Amino acid sequence: MLLSTLTLTAALLAQPGAPGGAPFERLDPAEAAKRESKFLANVRQVTDIGKTGEGYFSPDMKSIIYQSIRGKNPFYQIYTRDMKTGKETLVSTGHGRTTCAYYHPSSKKIIYASSHLDPNRDEEVDKELKRLAELRRNPRRRSYSWAFDPFMDIFEANLDGSGLKQLTKAAGYDAEGSYSPDGKQVVYCSFVSGSGDIYIMDADGGNKRQLTDSPGYDGGPFFSPDGKWVVFRGEVRRRKYLQVFIIPADAKPGSGQEIQLTDNNDVNWGPYWHPDGKHIIWSTSKHGHYNYELYLMNIETRKKQRVTYTFGADVLPVFSPDGKKLMWTSKRGKNRDGEVTSQLWIADWVYRGD
């Protein structure tokens, strides 16, 4: 089975510095922590197993949900973690690819995307294991790629993974979903029209409608805290170089109501709203494709500020519902096997600026 992929080419990733030939910035850890202290305090690593990332808080902030690769399975599966006890629970099926889990505002349901219904899912595992073995033999060929698996669909489940219900069934990739603040809708990325666009559907999977209509990929959408806007990442001008946009949640496809918030020659992705509805946080390759860093923007003034300075990719940032904590995926540490892998980190959000 052939899969579409979003790939940062090996040539780009092999650059010794940031885009444009600038050298990597590798600050002394103490200096990096000092600069981050304007925004972050009590920075700590939450997970330490395998390769883990893209975490989201439960509405009551007592648990988080995330994806993790561990054991013999080469694909992400979805887990929850009790933040008090540290207990983890596998909530996906254990088969196929999974991604983009999210809590319902009621704290009674979750959604996530999965390809476990792929009739060739075991063959896909074998292919991935062979690909990873080849990358270990030829590490210089390594590049980041994300498979837009055509068997990926969005599913609803109870908090323990039971009661699985399929919400999307059309041919093509459907994933990257998140709930509206009132829990009545889901915004997500779909390839049902041939290229990745943003769609909105009712929380039960009904009344699907297209929100964006552009030649390139649009994905990673989230509703604003008031439910009136959607932030997302999209391709413009150059394939594989993503920019951050917002669009009214009631916009018609092709209406031209998108507002572009970033405009550069970098990869900008993983945008997420602060609960105040005035700020977004996202990650950018501005400082190198092995050194993504987090930036904060006031969407009213367009003021941008760098948040992270520690060497190693910092990506996929999310605020807690009360805005007092930031969680993100980072390679600033190691897992329990001593490997430098993506893991979840949390810090107190102490910025009290504009």
Protein backbone atom coordinates (compact mmCIF):
# COMPACT_ATOMS: atom_id res chain seq x y z
CA MET A 1 0.00 0.00 0.00
CA LEU A 2 1.41 3.39 -0.98
CA LEU A 3 1.15 6.19 1.54
CA SER A 4 1.27 9.92 0.96
CA THR A 5 3.85 11.59 3.18
CA LEU A 6 4.76 15.02 4.42
CA THR A 7 8.55 14.92 4.39
CA LEU A 8 11.34 17.27 5.31
CA THR A 9 13.89 16.15 2.75
CA ALA A 10 17.11 14.50 3.83
CA ALA A 11 19.08 17.28 2.17
CA LEU A 12 17.29 19.91 4.24
CA LEU A 13 17.64 18.00 7.48
CA ALA A 14 21.31 17.36 6.79
CA GLN A 15 22.10 21.08 6.86
CA PRO A 16 24.69 21.81 9.56
CA GLY A 17 22.83 24.88 10.67
CA ALA A 18 19.57 26.73 10.55
CA PRO A 19 17.85 27.78 7.29
CA GLY A 20 19.93 30.26 5.33
CA GLY A 21 23.20 28.77 6.56
CA ALA A 22 23.13 30.28 10.06
CA PRO A 23 24.93 28.10 12.62
CA PHE A 24 23.01 26.18 15.25
CA GLU A 25 22.61 28.14 18.47
CA ARG A 26 23.67 25.93 21.35
CA LEU A 27 23.55 27.90 24.56
CA ASP A 28 25.04 26.83 27.84
CA PRO A 29 22.22 25.00 29.72
CA ALA A 30 22.29 27.54 32.54
CA GLU A 31 21.96 30.45 30.10
CA ALA A 32 19.17 28.66 28.22
CA ALA A 33 17.28 28.06 31.46
CA LYS A 34 17.76 31.71 32.44
CA ARG A 35 16.23 32.92 29.19
CA GLU A 36 13.34 30.45 29.45
CA SER A 37 12.58 31.58 33.00
CA LYS A 38 10.67 34.58 31.64
CA PHE A 39 7.99 32.10 30.60
CA LEU A 40 8.69 28.79 32.32
CA ALA A 41 9.34 27.63 35.87
CA ASN A 42 9.66 24.20 37.48
CA VAL A 43 10.49 22.54 34.14
CA ARG A 44 10.28 18.76 34.48
CA GLN A 45 10.16 15.64 32.34
CA VAL A 46 6.91 13.69 32.57
CA THR A 47 7.45 10.57 30.44
CA ASP A 48 10.54 8.44 29.91
CA ILE A 49 9.47 5.39 27.90
CA GLY A 50 10.30 4.73 24.26
CA LYS A 51 9.37 7.69 22.06
CA THR A 52 6.48 9.75 23.40
CA GLY A 53 4.79 13.00 22.44
CA GLU A 54 1.78 15.12 21.49
CA GLY A 55 0.18 15.27 24.90
CA TYR A 56 -3.03 17.04 25.93
CA PHE A 57 -4.51 17.83 29.33
CA SER A 58 -7.83 16.48 30.56
CA PRO A 59 -10.34 19.25 31.37
CA ASP A 60 -9.72 18.79 35.12
CA MET A 61 -5.93 18.56 34.53
CA LYS A 62 -5.75 15.33 36.54
CA SER A 63 -4.59 13.29 33.56
CA ILE A 64 -3.01 13.64 30.13
CA ILE A 65 -3.43 11.75 26.88
CA TYR A 66 -0.62 11.20 24.39
CA GLN A 67 0.93 8.92 21.79
CA SER A 68 3.90 6.65 22.39
CA ILE A 69 6.05 4.12 20.52
CA ARG A 70 7.33 1.39 22.79
CA GLY A 71 8.17 -2.29 22.73
CA LYS A 72 8.08 -4.16 19.42
CA ASN A 73 5.32 -2.04 17.88
CA PRO A 74 6.91 0.55 15.53
CA PHE A 75 3.79 2.75 15.45
CA TYR A 76 2.36 5.17 17.98
CA GLN A 77 -0.40 3.99 20.29
CA ILE A 78 -2.52 6.17 22.59
CA TYR A 79 -2.05 6.23 26.36
CA THR A 80 -3.45 8.17 29.29
CA ARG A 81 -1.54 8.97 32.47
CA ASP A 82 -2.84 9.84 35.91
CA MET A 83 -0.79 12.87 36.91
CA LYS A 84 -0.95 12.03 40.63
CA THR A 85 -0.14 8.32 40.55
CA GLY A 86 1.71 8.10 37.24
CA LYS A 87 -0.42 5.14 36.19
CA GLU A 88 -0.56 4.69 32.41
CA THR A 89 -3.43 3.11 30.48
CA LEU A 90 -3.34 1.95 26.86
CA VAL A 91 -6.59 3.28 25.37
CA SER A 92 -6.08 2.52 21.66
CA THR A 93 -6.40 -0.95 20.15
CA GLY A 94 -2.69 -1.70 19.93
CA HIS A 95 -2.94 -2.13 16.16
CA GLY A 96 -2.24 0.16 13.21
CA ARG A 97 -1.03 3.74 13.36
CA THR A 98 -2.59 6.17 15.83
CA THR A 99 -2.26 9.90 16.44
CA CYS A 100 -3.88 13.06 17.74
CA ALA A 101 -5.86 12.05 20.81
CA TYR A 102 -7.99 14.65 22.61
CA TYR A 103 -10.33 14.83 25.62
CA HIS A 104 -13.99 15.81 25.33
CA PRO A 105 -14.77 18.87 27.50
CA SER A 106 -17.14 16.71 29.57
CA SER A 107 -14.22 14.43 30.53
CA LYS A 108 -16.38 11.44 29.54
CA LYS A 109 -15.01 10.74 26.05
CA ILE A 110 -11.84 10.89 23.98
CA ILE A 111 -11.14 10.93 20.27
CA TYR A 112 -8.10 9.75 18.38
CA ALA A 113 -7.17 8.77 14.84
CA SER A 114 -6.30 5.17 14.00
CA SER A 115 -5.65 2.88 11.03
CA HIS A 116 -6.39 -0.32 12.95
CA LEU A 117 -9.12 -1.23 10.41
CA ASP A 118 -6.53 -1.46 7.63
CA PRO A 119 -6.74 -5.06 6.33
CA ASN A 120 -2.99 -4.90 5.64
CA ARG A 121 -2.04 -3.49 9.03
CA ASP A 122 0.33 -6.37 9.84
CA GLU A 123 2.12 -5.91 6.53
CA GLU A 124 2.50 -2.21 7.35
CA VAL A 125 4.20 -3.15 10.62
CA ASP A 126 6.66 -5.37 8.75
CA LYS A 127 7.40 -2.60 6.25
CA GLU A 128 8.03 -0.09 9.02
CA LEU A 129 10.34 -2.44 10.89
CA LYS A 130 12.38 -2.95 7.71
CA ARG A 131 12.47 0.82 7.10
CA LEU A 132 13.73 1.47 10.61
CA ALA A 133 16.37 -1.23 10.28
CA GLU A 134 17.59 0.40 7.07
CA LEU A 135 17.74 3.80 8.77
CA ARG A 136 19.89 2.33 11.53
CA ARG A 137 22.27 1.00 8.88
CA ASN A 138 22.31 4.30 7.00
CA PRO A 139 21.64 7.03 9.57
CA ARG A 140 22.61 9.87 7.24
CA ARG A 141 19.58 9.08 5.11
CA ARG A 142 17.26 9.72 8.03
CA SER A 143 14.57 12.35 7.45
CA TYR A 144 11.35 13.17 9.21
CA SER A 145 8.22 11.97 7.46
CA TRP A 146 4.60 11.63 8.44
CA ALA A 147 2.45 9.11 6.58
CA PHE A 148 -1.00 10.31 5.55
CA ASP A 149 -2.32 6.78 5.87
CA PRO A 150 -5.50 6.42 3.75
CA PHE A 151 -6.91 4.01 6.36
CA MET A 152 -6.60 6.59 9.14
CA ASP A 153 -10.00 7.54 10.58
CA ILE A 154 -11.19 9.33 13.69
CA PHE A 155 -12.71 7.29 16.51
CA GLU A 156 -14.54 8.16 19.71
CA ALA A 157 -14.06 6.08 22.86
CA ASN A 158 -14.68 6.04 26.57
CA LEU A 159 -11.84 7.16 28.82
CA ASP A 160 -10.57 3.59 29.17
CA GLY A 161 -10.70 2.95 25.41
CA SER A 162 -13.92 0.94 25.48
CA GLY A 163 -17.03 1.77 23.45
CA LEU A 164 -15.05 2.51 20.28
CA LYS A 165 -17.13 4.35 17.66
CA GLN A 166 -15.95 5.32 14.17
CA LEU A 167 -16.70 8.96 13.31
CA THR A 168 -15.17 9.20 9.80
CA LYS A 169 -15.43 6.50 7.14
CA ALA A 170 -14.64 8.14 3.80
CA ALA A 171 -11.65 6.87 1.81
CA GLY A 172 -8.50 8.82 2.62
CA TYR A 173 -6.68 10.20 5.64
CA ASP A 174 -8.88 11.64 8.42
CA ALA A 175 -6.98 12.66 11.55
CA GLU A 176 -5.66 15.55 13.66
CA GLY A 177 -9.00 16.08 15.38
CA SER A 178 -9.92 18.16 18.43
CA TYR A 179 -13.19 19.16 20.11
CA SER A 180 -14.84 22.56 20.19
CA PRO A 181 -15.01 24.21 23.65
CA ASP A 182 -18.66 23.13 24.07
CA GLY A 183 -17.90 19.60 22.89
CA LYS A 184 -20.51 19.72 20.12
CA GLN A 185 -18.09 19.70 17.18
CA VAL A 186 -14.79 18.25 16.04
CA VAL A 187 -12.35 20.07 13.75
CA TYR A 188 -9.95 17.87 11.81
CA CYS A 189 -7.83 17.32 8.70
CA SER A 190 -9.21 15.26 5.82
CA PHE A 191 -7.97 14.18 2.40
CA VAL A 192 -11.47 13.28 1.24
CA SER A 193 -11.32 16.01 -1.42
CA GLY A 194 -7.89 14.95 -2.66
CA SER A 195 -5.60 17.21 -0.61
CA GLY A 196 -5.40 17.96 3.07
CA ASP A 197 -8.03 20.48 4.14
CA ILE A 198 -9.70 21.44 7.40
CA TYR A 199 -13.19 20.07 8.07
CA ILE A 200 -15.68 20.42 10.91
CA MET A 201 -18.23 17.78 11.93
CA ASP A 202 -20.67 17.24 14.76
CA ALA A 203 -19.20 15.34 17.70
CA ASP A 204 -21.16 12.24 16.68
CA GLY A 205 -19.66 12.31 13.18
CA GLY A 206 -22.59 13.96 11.41
CA ASN A 207 -22.89 17.14 9.32
CA LYS A 208 -19.35 17.19 7.94
CA ARG A 209 -18.41 20.43 6.18
CA GLN A 210 -15.24 21.75 4.59
CA LEU A 211 -13.60 24.81 6.14
CA THR A 212 -10.47 25.41 4.03
CA ASP A 213 -9.83 24.83 0.34
CA SER A 214 -6.21 25.35 -0.68
CA PRO A 215 -3.81 23.49 -3.01
CA GLY A 216 -1.47 22.37 -0.23
CA TYR A 217 -1.85 20.60 3.08
CA ASP A 218 -3.79 22.24 5.93
CA GLY A 219 -3.79 20.47 9.29
CA GLY A 220 -3.37 20.49 13.04
CA PRO A 221 -6.52 22.58 13.74
CA PHE A 222 -7.83 23.75 17.12
CA PHE A 223 -10.84 25.86 18.03
CA SER A 224 -10.23 29.12 19.86
CA PRO A 225 -11.44 29.22 23.50
CA ASP A 226 -14.63 31.03 22.41
CA GLY A 227 -15.19 28.62 19.52
CA LYS A 228 -15.25 31.38 16.89
CA TRP A 229 -11.87 30.77 15.26
CA VAL A 230 -9.71 27.85 14.19
CA VAL A 231 -5.91 27.96 14.19
CA PHE A 232 -4.04 25.60 11.85
CA ARG A 233 -0.83 25.02 9.91
CA GLY A 234 -0.80 25.18 6.13
CA GLU A 235 1.46 25.07 3.10
CA VAL A 236 1.94 28.27 1.10
CA ARG A 237 4.36 29.10 -1.71
CA ARG A 238 6.65 26.13 -1.02
CA ARG A 239 5.63 22.56 -0.34
CA LYS A 240 6.65 21.22 3.06
CA TYR A 241 7.19 24.73 4.48
CA LEU A 242 4.29 25.37 6.83
CA GLN A 243 2.85 28.67 8.05
CA VAL A 244 0.36 29.41 10.84
CA PHE A 245 -3.15 30.65 10.02
CA ILE A 246 -6.44 31.39 11.74
CA ILE A 247 -9.86 31.26 10.07
CA PRO A 248 -13.42 31.94 11.29
CA ALA A 249 -15.05 28.66 12.33
CA ASP A 250 -18.09 29.51 10.19
CA ALA A 251 -16.10 30.40 7.04
CA LYS A 252 -17.00 28.96 3.65
CA PRO A 253 -14.28 27.06 1.74
CA GLY A 254 -12.55 29.35 -0.71
CA SER A 255 -13.88 32.49 1.00
CA GLY A 256 -10.39 33.90 1.52
CA GLN A 257 -11.06 34.57 5.20
CA GLU A 258 -7.85 32.89 6.35
CA ILE A 259 -5.47 35.22 8.20
CA GLN A 260 -1.80 34.29 7.88
CA LEU A 261 0.10 34.85 11.13
CA THR A 262 3.59 33.72 10.08
CA ASP A 263 5.37 34.49 6.82
CA ASN A 264 8.91 33.16 6.58
CA ASN A 265 11.07 30.46 5.02
CA ASP A 266 10.77 28.14 8.02
CA VAL A 267 8.55 25.24 9.04
CA ASN A 268 5.95 26.52 11.52
CA TRP A 269 3.65 23.95 13.06
CA GLY A 270 1.80 22.77 16.13
CA PRO A 271 -0.01 26.06 16.87
CA TYR A 272 -2.18 26.07 20.00
CA TRP A 273 -4.34 28.66 21.76
CA HIS A 274 -3.72 30.15 25.17
CA PRO A 275 -6.99 30.14 27.19
CA ASP A 276 -7.06 33.96 26.98
CA GLY A 277 -7.84 33.66 23.26
CA LYS A 278 -5.31 36.40 22.47
CA HIS A 279 -2.14 34.36 22.23
CA ILE A 280 -0.98 31.32 20.32
CA ILE A 281 2.14 29.24 20.83
CA TRP A 282 3.83 27.19 18.12
CA SER A 283 7.13 25.60 17.11
CA THR A 284 9.42 26.77 14.33
CA SER A 285 12.52 25.57 12.48
CA LYS A 286 13.92 29.13 12.55
CA HIS A 287 16.86 27.94 14.66
CA GLY A 288 17.50 24.71 12.77
CA HIS A 289 15.67 21.55 11.79
CA TYR A 290 17.22 19.65 14.68
CA ASN A 291 16.49 22.51 17.06
CA TYR A 292 12.84 23.52 16.74
CA GLU A 293 11.93 26.13 19.34
CA LEU A 294 8.67 27.47 20.76
CA TYR A 295 7.41 30.98 20.09
CA LEU A 296 4.49 32.96 21.53
CA MET A 297 2.43 35.45 19.52
CA ASN A 298 -0.14 38.04 20.51
CA ILE A 299 -2.52 37.69 17.55
CA GLU A 300 -3.87 41.22 18.02
CA THR A 301 -0.50 43.02 17.97
CA ARG A 302 1.45 40.24 16.14
CA LYS A 303 4.19 40.58 18.75
CA LYS A 304 6.33 37.42 18.72
CA GLN A 305 8.54 36.19 21.55
CA ARG A 306 10.83 33.20 21.78
CA VAL A 307 9.93 30.86 24.66
CA THR A 308 12.46 27.98 24.59
CA TYR A 309 16.24 28.10 24.19
CA THR A 310 17.43 24.63 25.24
CA PHE A 311 19.14 22.71 22.45
CA GLY A 312 17.05 19.87 21.02
CA ALA A 313 13.68 19.95 19.31
CA ASP A 314 10.85 21.58 21.30
CA VAL A 315 7.52 21.03 19.53
CA LEU A 316 3.76 20.51 19.92
CA PRO A 317 3.13 22.90 22.83
CA VAL A 318 -0.23 22.97 24.64
CA PHE A 319 -1.54 25.05 27.52
CA SER A 320 -3.47 23.60 30.41
CA PRO A 321 -7.15 24.62 30.54
CA ASP A 322 -6.40 27.18 33.27
CA GLY A 323 -3.38 28.56 31.39
CA LYS A 324 -1.05 27.92 34.32
CA LYS A 325 0.99 25.12 32.76
CA LEU A 326 2.63 24.40 29.43
CA MET A 327 3.21 20.87 28.14
CA TRP A 328 5.26 20.10 25.05
CA THR A 329 7.27 17.40 23.28
CA SER A 330 11.01 17.78 23.62
CA LYS A 331 14.32 16.07 22.95
CA ARG A 332 16.06 17.95 25.77
CA GLY A 333 16.34 14.75 27.86
CA LYS A 334 16.65 10.98 27.68
CA ASN A 335 14.34 8.03 28.17
CA ARG A 336 14.89 5.36 30.80
CA ASP A 337 17.15 3.45 28.40
CA GLY A 338 19.48 6.43 28.11
CA GLU A 339 18.38 7.31 24.59
CA VAL A 340 17.75 10.89 23.46
CA THR A 341 14.15 10.57 22.30
CA SER A 342 11.05 12.74 22.21
CA GLN A 343 9.32 12.86 25.59
CA LEU A 344 6.69 14.99 27.28
CA TRP A 345 7.76 17.91 29.48
CA ILE A 346 5.67 20.23 31.66
CA ALA A 347 6.44 23.63 33.18
CA ASP A 348 4.58 26.27 35.12
CA TRP A 349 3.62 29.12 32.79
CA VAL A 350 4.76 32.27 34.57
CA TYR A 351 4.63 34.83 31.77
CA ARG A 352 2.46 37.79 32.73
CA GLY A 353 3.17 40.12 29.82
CA ASP A 354 0.93 41.67 27.17
